[in-house]
């Protein structure tokens, strides 16, 4: 039986074919036979590389999560000032929402699995935690959680609805509203300055 030892990239092709298949037909359509055919590998390679469909799905979605985190990393790396961080978040929202429809579908397929099954819920939580860690380089934890939700929500609305009303200016205003308190309060801790009308740190009486 061919095992793939002579084809070191066979496993990667199987995982890529799995994601392509999910994006087109959904998780419910995944089978060893269909993925093997799409990847152009012998059927026996499926069970050689993966113990079962669940392992295949978990590894494929883990790779997809790595891809999305890398997108966050590219946009947030090298950011200095609060204004630069805000602009990076705006750019990130528009890149995600205007990116491949495949990524949008894969995200929703993973969320559907996570809503039903705890092992995929853990995978999704780990992905979210990694994204938030990147945002926390520039914003406090409370603001980061709100920004993470805003990024996903606005990206989804722009991708599925009419992108026109969600201009870069509107996105920038939404990001600014979430982050302006953090900046006004010194950029480290919102607890002493929870309201927009409280005097920022360092302001004269």
N, C-alpha and C. Protein backbone atom coordinates (compact mmCIF):
# COMPACT_ATOMS: atom_id res chain seq x y z
N UNK A 1 0.85 -1.21 0.00
CA UNK A 1 0.00 0.00 0.00
C UNK A 1 0.88 1.25 0.00
N UNK A 2 0.53 2.21 -0.82
CA UNK A 2 1.27 3.48 -0.83
C UNK A 2 0.96 4.25 0.44
N UNK A 3 1.98 4.74 1.09
CA UNK A 3 1.77 5.44 2.36
C UNK A 3 2.02 6.93 2.27
N UNK A 4 2.63 7.37 1.21
CA UNK A 4 2.94 8.78 1.09
C UNK A 4 4.35 9.13 1.50
N UNK A 5 5.17 8.12 1.88
CA UNK A 5 6.53 8.39 2.29
C UNK A 5 7.33 9.00 1.15
N UNK A 6 7.00 8.66 -0.10
CA UNK A 6 7.72 9.21 -1.24
C UNK A 6 7.14 10.57 -1.67
N UNK A 7 6.12 11.01 -0.99
CA UNK A 7 5.46 12.27 -1.32
C UNK A 7 5.30 13.07 -0.02
N UNK A 8 6.35 13.78 0.40
CA UNK A 8 6.33 14.45 1.70
C UNK A 8 5.27 15.52 1.86
N UNK A 9 4.71 16.00 0.75
CA UNK A 9 3.69 17.05 0.84
C UNK A 9 2.27 16.49 0.72
N UNK A 10 2.17 15.19 0.71
CA UNK A 10 0.85 14.59 0.53
C UNK A 10 -0.09 14.98 1.66
N UNK A 11 0.41 14.98 2.89
CA UNK A 11 -0.43 15.33 4.04
C UNK A 11 -0.95 16.77 3.90
N UNK A 12 -0.08 17.67 3.48
CA UNK A 12 -0.49 19.06 3.30
C UNK A 12 -1.57 19.17 2.23
N UNK A 13 -1.42 18.40 1.15
CA UNK A 13 -2.41 18.44 0.07
C UNK A 13 -3.76 17.91 0.56
N UNK A 14 -3.72 16.92 1.40
CA UNK A 14 -4.98 16.38 1.94
C UNK A 14 -5.68 17.43 2.79
N UNK A 15 -4.92 18.13 3.63
CA UNK A 15 -5.51 19.16 4.49
C UNK A 15 -6.06 20.32 3.66
N UNK A 16 -5.31 20.72 2.64
CA UNK A 16 -5.79 21.81 1.77
C UNK A 16 -7.04 21.38 1.02
N UNK A 17 -7.07 20.14 0.54
CA UNK A 17 -8.25 19.64 -0.17
C UNK A 17 -9.45 19.56 0.76
N UNK A 18 -9.20 19.25 2.03
CA UNK A 18 -10.29 19.19 3.01
C UNK A 18 -10.93 20.56 3.18
N UNK A 19 -10.11 21.59 3.32
CA UNK A 19 -10.65 22.94 3.48
C UNK A 19 -11.37 23.39 2.21
N UNK A 20 -10.82 23.08 1.05
CA UNK A 20 -11.49 23.44 -0.21
C UNK A 20 -12.85 22.76 -0.30
N UNK A 21 -12.89 21.49 0.09
CA UNK A 21 -14.14 20.74 0.02
C UNK A 21 -15.18 21.31 0.99
N UNK A 22 -14.75 21.63 2.21
CA UNK A 22 -15.66 22.22 3.20
C UNK A 22 -16.20 23.54 2.70
N UNK A 23 -15.33 24.35 2.09
CA UNK A 23 -15.77 25.66 1.59
C UNK A 23 -16.82 25.52 0.50
N UNK A 24 -16.77 24.43 -0.27
CA UNK A 24 -17.72 24.24 -1.37
C UNK A 24 -18.96 23.46 -0.96
N UNK A 25 -18.79 22.46 -0.10
CA UNK A 25 -19.90 21.56 0.19
C UNK A 25 -20.28 21.46 1.67
N UNK A 26 -19.47 22.05 2.53
CA UNK A 26 -19.76 21.98 3.95
C UNK A 26 -19.12 20.78 4.62
N UNK A 27 -19.07 20.84 5.95
CA UNK A 27 -18.47 19.76 6.73
C UNK A 27 -19.20 18.44 6.51
N UNK A 28 -20.50 18.52 6.37
CA UNK A 28 -21.29 17.28 6.23
C UNK A 28 -20.89 16.48 5.01
N UNK A 29 -20.28 17.11 4.02
CA UNK A 29 -19.93 16.40 2.79
C UNK A 29 -18.54 15.77 2.81
N UNK A 30 -17.83 15.88 3.94
CA UNK A 30 -16.47 15.36 4.00
C UNK A 30 -16.47 13.84 4.17
N UNK A 31 -15.71 13.16 3.33
CA UNK A 31 -15.49 11.72 3.46
C UNK A 31 -14.09 11.42 2.98
N UNK A 32 -13.54 10.29 3.41
CA UNK A 32 -12.20 9.91 2.97
C UNK A 32 -12.13 9.83 1.45
N UNK A 33 -13.13 9.23 0.85
CA UNK A 33 -13.10 9.03 -0.59
C UNK A 33 -13.13 10.37 -1.35
N UNK A 34 -13.99 11.28 -0.91
CA UNK A 34 -14.09 12.57 -1.60
C UNK A 34 -12.82 13.39 -1.45
N UNK A 35 -12.25 13.39 -0.26
CA UNK A 35 -11.03 14.19 -0.05
C UNK A 35 -9.86 13.58 -0.80
N UNK A 36 -9.75 12.26 -0.80
CA UNK A 36 -8.67 11.61 -1.53
C UNK A 36 -8.74 11.94 -3.02
N UNK A 37 -9.95 11.92 -3.55
CA UNK A 37 -10.12 12.23 -4.97
C UNK A 37 -9.75 13.68 -5.26
N UNK A 38 -10.16 14.59 -4.39
CA UNK A 38 -9.87 16.01 -4.60
C UNK A 38 -8.37 16.28 -4.47
N UNK A 39 -7.72 15.59 -3.53
CA UNK A 39 -6.29 15.81 -3.30
C UNK A 39 -5.43 15.05 -4.30
N UNK A 40 -6.05 14.11 -5.03
CA UNK A 40 -5.29 13.32 -5.98
C UNK A 40 -4.34 12.35 -5.32
N UNK A 41 -4.80 11.72 -4.22
CA UNK A 41 -3.97 10.76 -3.48
C UNK A 41 -4.71 9.43 -3.39
N UNK A 42 -3.99 8.32 -3.16
CA UNK A 42 -4.67 7.04 -2.96
C UNK A 42 -5.55 7.08 -1.73
N UNK A 43 -6.64 6.35 -1.76
CA UNK A 43 -7.57 6.32 -0.64
C UNK A 43 -6.88 5.87 0.65
N UNK A 44 -5.94 4.94 0.53
CA UNK A 44 -5.23 4.45 1.71
C UNK A 44 -4.43 5.52 2.43
N UNK A 45 -4.08 6.60 1.71
CA UNK A 45 -3.32 7.68 2.35
C UNK A 45 -4.12 8.38 3.43
N UNK A 46 -5.43 8.36 3.30
CA UNK A 46 -6.27 9.04 4.28
C UNK A 46 -6.11 8.42 5.67
N UNK A 47 -6.23 7.11 5.74
CA UNK A 47 -6.12 6.44 7.04
C UNK A 47 -4.67 6.30 7.49
N UNK A 48 -3.74 6.42 6.56
CA UNK A 48 -2.33 6.41 6.94
C UNK A 48 -1.97 7.69 7.69
N UNK A 49 -2.47 8.81 7.22
CA UNK A 49 -2.11 10.11 7.80
C UNK A 49 -3.05 10.56 8.92
N UNK A 50 -4.30 10.09 8.90
CA UNK A 50 -5.28 10.56 9.88
C UNK A 50 -6.07 9.38 10.44
N UNK A 51 -6.26 9.42 11.76
CA UNK A 51 -6.96 8.31 12.43
C UNK A 51 -8.43 8.24 12.03
N UNK A 52 -8.99 9.36 11.65
CA UNK A 52 -10.39 9.38 11.26
C UNK A 52 -10.78 10.76 10.77
N UNK A 53 -12.06 10.93 10.46
CA UNK A 53 -12.55 12.20 9.93
C UNK A 53 -12.37 13.32 10.95
N UNK A 54 -12.61 13.03 12.23
CA UNK A 54 -12.48 14.08 13.24
C UNK A 54 -11.06 14.62 13.31
N UNK A 55 -10.08 13.74 13.27
CA UNK A 55 -8.70 14.21 13.30
C UNK A 55 -8.39 15.04 12.06
N UNK A 56 -8.90 14.60 10.93
CA UNK A 56 -8.72 15.35 9.69
C UNK A 56 -9.32 16.75 9.80
N UNK A 57 -10.54 16.83 10.31
CA UNK A 57 -11.20 18.13 10.43
C UNK A 57 -10.49 19.03 11.43
N UNK A 58 -10.09 18.46 12.57
CA UNK A 58 -9.41 19.28 13.58
C UNK A 58 -8.11 19.85 13.05
N UNK A 59 -7.34 19.04 12.36
CA UNK A 59 -6.06 19.53 11.84
C UNK A 59 -6.27 20.54 10.71
N UNK A 60 -7.26 20.30 9.88
CA UNK A 60 -7.54 21.24 8.79
C UNK A 60 -7.97 22.59 9.36
N UNK A 61 -8.87 22.59 10.33
CA UNK A 61 -9.34 23.85 10.91
C UNK A 61 -8.25 24.52 11.75
N UNK A 62 -7.38 23.74 12.36
CA UNK A 62 -6.25 24.33 13.10
C UNK A 62 -5.35 25.08 12.13
N UNK A 63 -5.10 24.50 10.97
CA UNK A 63 -4.30 25.18 9.95
C UNK A 63 -4.98 26.45 9.46
N UNK A 64 -6.30 26.39 9.32
CA UNK A 64 -7.04 27.58 8.89
C UNK A 64 -6.94 28.68 9.95
N UNK A 65 -7.06 28.31 11.22
CA UNK A 65 -6.93 29.29 12.30
C UNK A 65 -5.55 29.93 12.28
N UNK A 66 -4.53 29.13 12.03
CA UNK A 66 -3.17 29.67 11.92
C UNK A 66 -3.08 30.71 10.81
N UNK A 67 -3.77 30.44 9.71
CA UNK A 67 -3.79 31.37 8.58
C UNK A 67 -4.42 32.71 8.99
N UNK A 68 -5.54 32.66 9.70
CA UNK A 68 -6.22 33.90 10.09
C UNK A 68 -5.38 34.67 11.10
N UNK A 69 -4.77 33.97 12.05
CA UNK A 69 -3.91 34.64 13.03
C UNK A 69 -2.74 35.31 12.32
N UNK A 70 -2.22 34.69 11.29
CA UNK A 70 -1.12 35.28 10.52
C UNK A 70 -1.56 36.58 9.85
N UNK A 71 -2.82 36.64 9.41
CA UNK A 71 -3.35 37.88 8.83
C UNK A 71 -3.37 38.99 9.89
N UNK A 72 -3.82 38.65 11.11
CA UNK A 72 -3.78 39.61 12.22
C UNK A 72 -2.35 40.08 12.46
N UNK A 73 -1.44 39.12 12.50
CA UNK A 73 -0.04 39.42 12.79
C UNK A 73 0.53 40.39 11.77
N UNK A 74 0.25 40.16 10.50
CA UNK A 74 0.80 41.02 9.44
C UNK A 74 0.33 42.46 9.60
N UNK A 75 -0.92 42.64 10.01
CA UNK A 75 -1.46 44.00 10.09
C UNK A 75 -1.11 44.71 11.39
N UNK A 76 -0.88 43.96 12.45
CA UNK A 76 -0.63 44.58 13.74
C UNK A 76 0.85 44.67 14.09
N UNK A 77 1.69 43.97 13.35
CA UNK A 77 3.13 44.02 13.62
C UNK A 77 3.69 45.39 13.25
N UNK A 78 4.59 45.88 14.06
CA UNK A 78 5.25 47.14 13.76
C UNK A 78 4.43 48.37 14.04
N UNK A 79 3.24 48.19 14.63
CA UNK A 79 2.39 49.34 14.94
C UNK A 79 2.92 50.04 16.19
N UNK A 80 2.95 51.36 16.15
CA UNK A 80 3.49 52.10 17.28
C UNK A 80 2.45 52.87 18.07
N UNK A 81 1.97 53.98 17.52
CA UNK A 81 1.06 54.87 18.25
C UNK A 81 -0.37 54.33 18.28
N UNK A 82 -1.21 54.84 19.19
CA UNK A 82 -2.63 54.45 19.21
C UNK A 82 -3.33 54.70 17.88
N UNK A 83 -3.00 55.81 17.23
CA UNK A 83 -3.62 56.10 15.93
C UNK A 83 -3.24 55.05 14.89
N UNK A 84 -1.98 54.62 14.91
CA UNK A 84 -1.54 53.57 13.99
C UNK A 84 -2.24 52.25 14.29
N UNK A 85 -2.44 51.98 15.58
CA UNK A 85 -3.13 50.74 15.96
C UNK A 85 -4.57 50.77 15.48
N UNK A 86 -5.23 51.90 15.62
CA UNK A 86 -6.61 52.01 15.14
C UNK A 86 -6.67 51.80 13.62
N UNK A 87 -5.77 52.44 12.91
CA UNK A 87 -5.77 52.31 11.46
C UNK A 87 -5.49 50.87 11.04
N UNK A 88 -4.63 50.19 11.79
CA UNK A 88 -4.34 48.79 11.48
C UNK A 88 -5.58 47.92 11.66
N UNK A 89 -6.37 48.22 12.69
CA UNK A 89 -7.60 47.46 12.92
C UNK A 89 -8.61 47.73 11.81
N UNK A 90 -8.72 48.98 11.39
CA UNK A 90 -9.63 49.32 10.28
C UNK A 90 -9.21 48.56 9.02
N UNK A 91 -7.93 48.58 8.72
CA UNK A 91 -7.43 47.89 7.54
C UNK A 91 -7.70 46.39 7.64
N UNK A 92 -7.52 45.84 8.83
CA UNK A 92 -7.76 44.41 9.05
C UNK A 92 -9.21 44.04 8.76
N UNK A 93 -10.15 44.84 9.24
CA UNK A 93 -11.56 44.59 9.00
C UNK A 93 -11.86 44.57 7.51
N UNK A 94 -11.31 45.51 6.78
CA UNK A 94 -11.61 45.60 5.35
C UNK A 94 -10.90 44.50 4.56
N UNK A 95 -9.72 44.12 4.98
CA UNK A 95 -9.03 43.01 4.31
C UNK A 95 -9.79 41.71 4.49
N UNK A 96 -10.25 41.46 5.71
CA UNK A 96 -10.99 40.22 5.98
C UNK A 96 -12.31 40.21 5.21
N UNK A 97 -13.03 41.31 5.26
CA UNK A 97 -14.36 41.34 4.63
C UNK A 97 -14.28 41.32 3.10
N UNK A 98 -13.18 41.82 2.55
CA UNK A 98 -13.03 41.85 1.10
C UNK A 98 -12.17 40.70 0.58
N UNK A 99 -11.78 39.81 1.49
CA UNK A 99 -10.93 38.70 1.12
C UNK A 99 -11.70 37.56 0.50
N UNK A 100 -11.06 36.39 0.35
CA UNK A 100 -11.72 35.25 -0.30
C UNK A 100 -12.99 34.82 0.43
N UNK A 101 -14.05 34.59 -0.33
CA UNK A 101 -15.29 34.10 0.26
C UNK A 101 -15.06 32.75 0.96
N UNK A 102 -14.07 32.02 0.47
CA UNK A 102 -13.71 30.73 1.07
C UNK A 102 -13.42 30.88 2.56
N UNK A 103 -12.67 31.92 2.94
CA UNK A 103 -12.32 32.11 4.35
C UNK A 103 -13.56 32.39 5.19
N UNK A 104 -14.48 33.17 4.64
CA UNK A 104 -15.72 33.47 5.36
C UNK A 104 -16.51 32.20 5.61
N UNK A 105 -16.64 31.37 4.58
CA UNK A 105 -17.41 30.13 4.71
C UNK A 105 -16.75 29.19 5.72
N UNK A 106 -15.44 29.07 5.64
CA UNK A 106 -14.73 28.19 6.57
C UNK A 106 -14.90 28.65 8.01
N UNK A 107 -14.87 29.95 8.22
CA UNK A 107 -15.07 30.48 9.58
C UNK A 107 -16.44 30.08 10.11
N UNK A 108 -17.47 30.24 9.29
CA UNK A 108 -18.82 29.92 9.75
C UNK A 108 -19.00 28.41 9.94
N UNK A 109 -18.36 27.61 9.10
CA UNK A 109 -18.43 26.16 9.26
C UNK A 109 -17.79 25.74 10.59
N UNK A 110 -16.67 26.36 10.93
CA UNK A 110 -16.02 26.04 12.20
C UNK A 110 -16.89 26.47 13.37
N UNK A 111 -17.51 27.63 13.28
CA UNK A 111 -18.37 28.09 14.37
C UNK A 111 -19.57 27.17 14.55
N UNK A 112 -20.09 26.66 13.46
CA UNK A 112 -21.22 25.72 13.57
C UNK A 112 -20.78 24.45 14.30
N UNK A 113 -19.62 23.94 13.96
CA UNK A 113 -19.09 22.78 14.67
C UNK A 113 -18.86 23.11 16.14
N UNK A 114 -18.30 24.28 16.40
CA UNK A 114 -18.00 24.67 17.78
C UNK A 114 -19.26 24.82 18.62
N UNK A 115 -20.34 25.23 17.99
CA UNK A 115 -21.60 25.38 18.72
C UNK A 115 -22.15 24.04 19.16
N UNK A 116 -21.77 22.97 18.46
CA UNK A 116 -22.31 21.64 18.74
C UNK A 116 -21.36 20.76 19.54
N UNK A 117 -20.04 20.95 19.33
CA UNK A 117 -19.10 19.98 19.87
C UNK A 117 -17.98 20.66 20.64
N UNK A 118 -17.74 20.24 21.87
CA UNK A 118 -16.77 20.92 22.74
C UNK A 118 -15.34 20.93 22.22
N UNK A 119 -14.90 19.87 21.51
CA UNK A 119 -13.53 19.86 21.04
C UNK A 119 -13.27 20.96 20.01
N UNK A 120 -14.29 21.28 19.22
CA UNK A 120 -14.13 22.37 18.25
C UNK A 120 -14.33 23.72 18.94
N UNK A 121 -15.08 23.72 20.02
CA UNK A 121 -15.22 24.94 20.81
C UNK A 121 -13.86 25.32 21.41
N UNK A 122 -13.12 24.34 21.88
CA UNK A 122 -11.79 24.61 22.42
C UNK A 122 -10.86 25.13 21.34
N UNK A 123 -10.95 24.56 20.16
CA UNK A 123 -10.13 25.02 19.05
C UNK A 123 -10.43 26.48 18.73
N UNK A 124 -11.72 26.80 18.72
CA UNK A 124 -12.14 28.18 18.41
C UNK A 124 -11.70 29.14 19.50
N UNK A 125 -11.81 28.73 20.75
CA UNK A 125 -11.38 29.59 21.86
C UNK A 125 -9.88 29.86 21.80
N UNK A 126 -9.11 28.83 21.46
CA UNK A 126 -7.67 29.01 21.35
C UNK A 126 -7.34 30.00 20.23
N UNK A 127 -8.06 29.90 19.12
CA UNK A 127 -7.88 30.83 18.00
C UNK A 127 -8.19 32.26 18.44
N UNK A 128 -9.33 32.45 19.12
CA UNK A 128 -9.71 33.78 19.58
C UNK A 128 -8.69 34.34 20.55
N UNK A 129 -8.18 33.48 21.43
CA UNK A 129 -7.20 33.93 22.42
C UNK A 129 -5.93 34.42 21.73
N UNK A 130 -5.50 33.74 20.69
CA UNK A 130 -4.30 34.16 19.96
C UNK A 130 -4.52 35.50 19.26
N UNK A 131 -5.71 35.69 18.69
CA UNK A 131 -6.02 36.97 18.04
C UNK A 131 -6.03 38.10 19.07
N UNK A 132 -6.62 37.83 20.23
CA UNK A 132 -6.68 38.86 21.26
C UNK A 132 -5.30 39.20 21.81
N UNK A 133 -4.43 38.21 21.89
CA UNK A 133 -3.07 38.49 22.36
C UNK A 133 -2.37 39.49 21.45
N UNK A 134 -2.62 39.38 20.15
CA UNK A 134 -2.03 40.34 19.22
C UNK A 134 -2.61 41.73 19.41
N UNK A 135 -3.91 41.80 19.64
CA UNK A 135 -4.54 43.10 19.87
C UNK A 135 -4.10 43.70 21.20
N UNK A 136 -3.84 42.86 22.18
CA UNK A 136 -3.45 43.35 23.51
C UNK A 136 -2.07 43.98 23.53
N UNK A 137 -1.33 43.85 22.46
CA UNK A 137 -0.07 44.58 22.37
C UNK A 137 -0.33 46.08 22.29
N UNK A 138 -1.55 46.44 21.90
CA UNK A 138 -1.86 47.85 21.64
C UNK A 138 -3.04 48.38 22.46
N UNK A 139 -3.87 47.48 23.01
CA UNK A 139 -5.05 47.89 23.76
C UNK A 139 -5.19 47.05 25.03
N UNK A 140 -5.93 47.58 25.99
CA UNK A 140 -6.12 46.83 27.24
C UNK A 140 -7.06 45.64 26.99
N UNK A 141 -7.08 44.65 27.90
CA UNK A 141 -7.87 43.43 27.67
C UNK A 141 -9.36 43.67 27.43
N UNK A 142 -9.97 44.60 28.18
CA UNK A 142 -11.40 44.85 28.00
C UNK A 142 -11.69 45.43 26.62
N UNK A 143 -10.88 46.39 26.20
CA UNK A 143 -11.05 46.98 24.87
C UNK A 143 -10.77 45.94 23.79
N UNK A 144 -9.78 45.11 24.03
CA UNK A 144 -9.42 44.08 23.07
C UNK A 144 -10.59 43.15 22.79
N UNK A 145 -11.30 42.72 23.83
CA UNK A 145 -12.45 41.83 23.62
C UNK A 145 -13.52 42.51 22.77
N UNK A 146 -13.75 43.78 23.01
CA UNK A 146 -14.75 44.50 22.21
C UNK A 146 -14.28 44.66 20.77
N UNK A 147 -13.00 44.97 20.60
CA UNK A 147 -12.46 45.11 19.24
C UNK A 147 -12.52 43.80 18.48
N UNK A 148 -12.21 42.70 19.16
CA UNK A 148 -12.25 41.39 18.51
C UNK A 148 -13.66 41.11 17.98
N UNK A 149 -14.67 41.42 18.81
CA UNK A 149 -16.06 41.22 18.38
C UNK A 149 -16.42 42.17 17.24
N UNK A 150 -15.93 43.40 17.31
CA UNK A 150 -16.21 44.37 16.25
C UNK A 150 -15.58 43.93 14.93
N UNK A 151 -14.34 43.47 14.98
CA UNK A 151 -13.66 43.02 13.77
C UNK A 151 -14.47 41.93 13.09
N UNK A 152 -14.88 40.96 13.89
CA UNK A 152 -15.62 39.85 13.29
C UNK A 152 -17.00 40.27 12.81
N UNK A 153 -17.70 41.07 13.62
CA UNK A 153 -19.05 41.48 13.24
C UNK A 153 -19.08 42.35 12.01
N UNK A 154 -18.21 43.37 11.97
CA UNK A 154 -18.20 44.26 10.81
C UNK A 154 -17.71 43.53 9.56
N UNK A 155 -16.71 42.66 9.73
CA UNK A 155 -16.23 41.90 8.57
C UNK A 155 -17.35 41.03 8.00
N UNK A 156 -18.13 40.41 8.87
CA UNK A 156 -19.23 39.57 8.42
C UNK A 156 -20.31 40.40 7.75
N UNK A 157 -20.66 41.54 8.32
CA UNK A 157 -21.69 42.40 7.73
C UNK A 157 -21.24 42.93 6.36
N UNK A 158 -19.97 43.31 6.27
CA UNK A 158 -19.48 43.82 4.98
C UNK A 158 -19.44 42.72 3.94
N UNK A 159 -19.11 41.50 4.37
CA UNK A 159 -18.98 40.40 3.41
C UNK A 159 -20.34 39.89 2.94
N UNK A 160 -21.31 39.83 3.85
CA UNK A 160 -22.60 39.24 3.50
C UNK A 160 -23.65 40.26 3.08
N UNK A 161 -23.48 41.49 3.54
CA UNK A 161 -24.44 42.52 3.18
C UNK A 161 -23.89 43.39 2.08
N UNK A 162 -24.32 44.62 2.06
CA UNK A 162 -23.81 45.58 1.09
C UNK A 162 -22.61 46.27 1.71
N UNK A 163 -21.47 46.11 1.09
CA UNK A 163 -20.26 46.69 1.65
C UNK A 163 -20.28 48.21 1.56
N UNK A 164 -21.04 48.76 0.61
CA UNK A 164 -21.07 50.20 0.39
C UNK A 164 -21.30 51.04 1.63
N UNK A 165 -22.37 50.74 2.41
CA UNK A 165 -22.63 51.57 3.60
C UNK A 165 -21.52 51.49 4.64
N UNK A 166 -20.75 50.40 4.64
CA UNK A 166 -19.69 50.23 5.62
C UNK A 166 -18.37 50.73 5.05
N UNK A 167 -18.28 52.06 4.94
CA UNK A 167 -17.09 52.67 4.37
C UNK A 167 -15.94 52.62 5.37
N UNK A 168 -14.75 52.90 4.88
CA UNK A 168 -13.59 52.95 5.76
C UNK A 168 -13.77 54.02 6.84
N UNK A 169 -14.43 55.11 6.47
CA UNK A 169 -14.66 56.18 7.45
C UNK A 169 -15.58 55.70 8.57
N UNK A 170 -16.64 54.97 8.20
CA UNK A 170 -17.56 54.45 9.21
C UNK A 170 -16.88 53.42 10.10
N UNK A 171 -16.07 52.56 9.48
CA UNK A 171 -15.33 51.57 10.27
C UNK A 171 -14.37 52.26 11.22
N UNK A 172 -13.69 53.29 10.72
CA UNK A 172 -12.76 54.04 11.56
C UNK A 172 -13.45 54.69 12.74
N UNK A 173 -14.66 55.20 12.52
CA UNK A 173 -15.41 55.82 13.61
C UNK A 173 -15.79 54.80 14.66
N UNK A 174 -16.20 53.60 14.23
CA UNK A 174 -16.56 52.54 15.18
C UNK A 174 -15.35 52.14 16.02
N UNK A 175 -14.21 51.99 15.37
CA UNK A 175 -12.98 51.63 16.09
C UNK A 175 -12.59 52.74 17.06
N UNK A 176 -12.70 53.98 16.60
CA UNK A 176 -12.34 55.11 17.45
C UNK A 176 -13.22 55.16 18.69
N UNK A 177 -14.51 54.94 18.53
CA UNK A 177 -15.42 54.98 19.68
C UNK A 177 -15.06 53.94 20.73
N UNK A 178 -14.60 52.79 20.28
CA UNK A 178 -14.25 51.73 21.24
C UNK A 178 -12.92 52.01 21.93
N UNK A 179 -12.03 52.71 21.25
CA UNK A 179 -10.68 52.85 21.77
C UNK A 179 -10.35 54.21 22.35
N UNK A 180 -11.18 55.20 22.14
CA UNK A 180 -10.83 56.55 22.57
C UNK A 180 -10.76 56.65 24.09
N UNK A 181 -11.61 55.91 24.82
CA UNK A 181 -11.57 55.96 26.28
C UNK A 181 -10.25 55.38 26.77
N UNK A 182 -9.86 54.28 26.16
CA UNK A 182 -8.60 53.64 26.54
C UNK A 182 -7.44 54.61 26.38
N UNK A 183 -7.41 55.33 25.27
CA UNK A 183 -6.33 56.28 25.02
C UNK A 183 -6.41 57.44 26.01
N UNK A 184 -7.61 57.95 26.23
CA UNK A 184 -7.77 59.08 27.13
C UNK A 184 -7.40 58.74 28.57
N UNK A 185 -7.56 57.47 28.94
CA UNK A 185 -7.27 57.05 30.30
C UNK A 185 -5.83 56.62 30.49
N UNK A 186 -4.99 56.87 29.53
CA UNK A 186 -3.58 56.59 29.70
C UNK A 186 -3.10 55.36 28.98
N UNK A 187 -3.99 54.59 28.38
CA UNK A 187 -3.58 53.47 27.56
C UNK A 187 -3.13 52.25 28.32
N UNK A 188 -3.47 52.14 29.62
CA UNK A 188 -3.06 50.95 30.36
C UNK A 188 -4.19 50.29 31.11
N UNK A 189 -5.08 51.06 31.71
CA UNK A 189 -6.09 50.46 32.57
C UNK A 189 -7.33 51.35 32.55
N UNK A 190 -8.48 50.77 32.20
CA UNK A 190 -9.70 51.56 32.12
C UNK A 190 -10.40 51.71 33.46
N UNK A 191 -10.00 50.96 34.48
CA UNK A 191 -10.74 50.95 35.74
C UNK A 191 -10.88 52.33 36.36
N UNK A 192 -9.81 53.14 36.44
CA UNK A 192 -9.98 54.46 37.05
C UNK A 192 -10.74 55.45 36.18
N UNK A 193 -10.98 55.10 34.92
CA UNK A 193 -11.56 56.06 33.98
C UNK A 193 -12.60 55.36 33.13
N UNK A 194 -13.70 54.87 33.73
CA UNK A 194 -14.63 54.02 32.98
C UNK A 194 -15.58 54.77 32.08
N UNK A 195 -15.69 56.08 32.22
CA UNK A 195 -16.69 56.82 31.44
C UNK A 195 -16.03 57.87 30.58
N UNK A 196 -16.68 58.13 29.48
CA UNK A 196 -16.13 59.07 28.51
C UNK A 196 -15.93 60.46 29.09
N UNK A 197 -16.77 60.83 30.09
CA UNK A 197 -16.73 62.20 30.61
C UNK A 197 -15.82 62.35 31.81
N UNK A 198 -15.19 61.28 32.26
CA UNK A 198 -14.26 61.39 33.36
C UNK A 198 -12.97 62.01 32.85
N UNK A 199 -12.37 62.89 33.65
CA UNK A 199 -11.18 63.59 33.22
C UNK A 199 -10.04 62.61 32.99
N UNK A 200 -9.39 62.62 31.83
CA UNK A 200 -8.27 61.71 31.56
C UNK A 200 -7.12 61.93 32.54
N UNK A 201 -6.28 60.92 32.69
CA UNK A 201 -5.11 61.05 33.53
C UNK A 201 -4.22 62.19 33.04
N UNK A 202 -3.69 62.94 33.96
CA UNK A 202 -2.74 63.98 33.59
C UNK A 202 -3.41 65.28 33.21
N UNK A 203 -4.75 65.28 33.10
CA UNK A 203 -5.45 66.52 32.73
C UNK A 203 -5.48 67.45 33.94
N UNK A 204 -5.35 68.71 33.71
CA UNK A 204 -5.37 69.67 34.81
C UNK A 204 -6.77 69.84 35.35
N UNK A 205 -6.87 70.16 36.62
CA UNK A 205 -8.17 70.32 37.26
C UNK A 205 -8.83 71.59 36.76
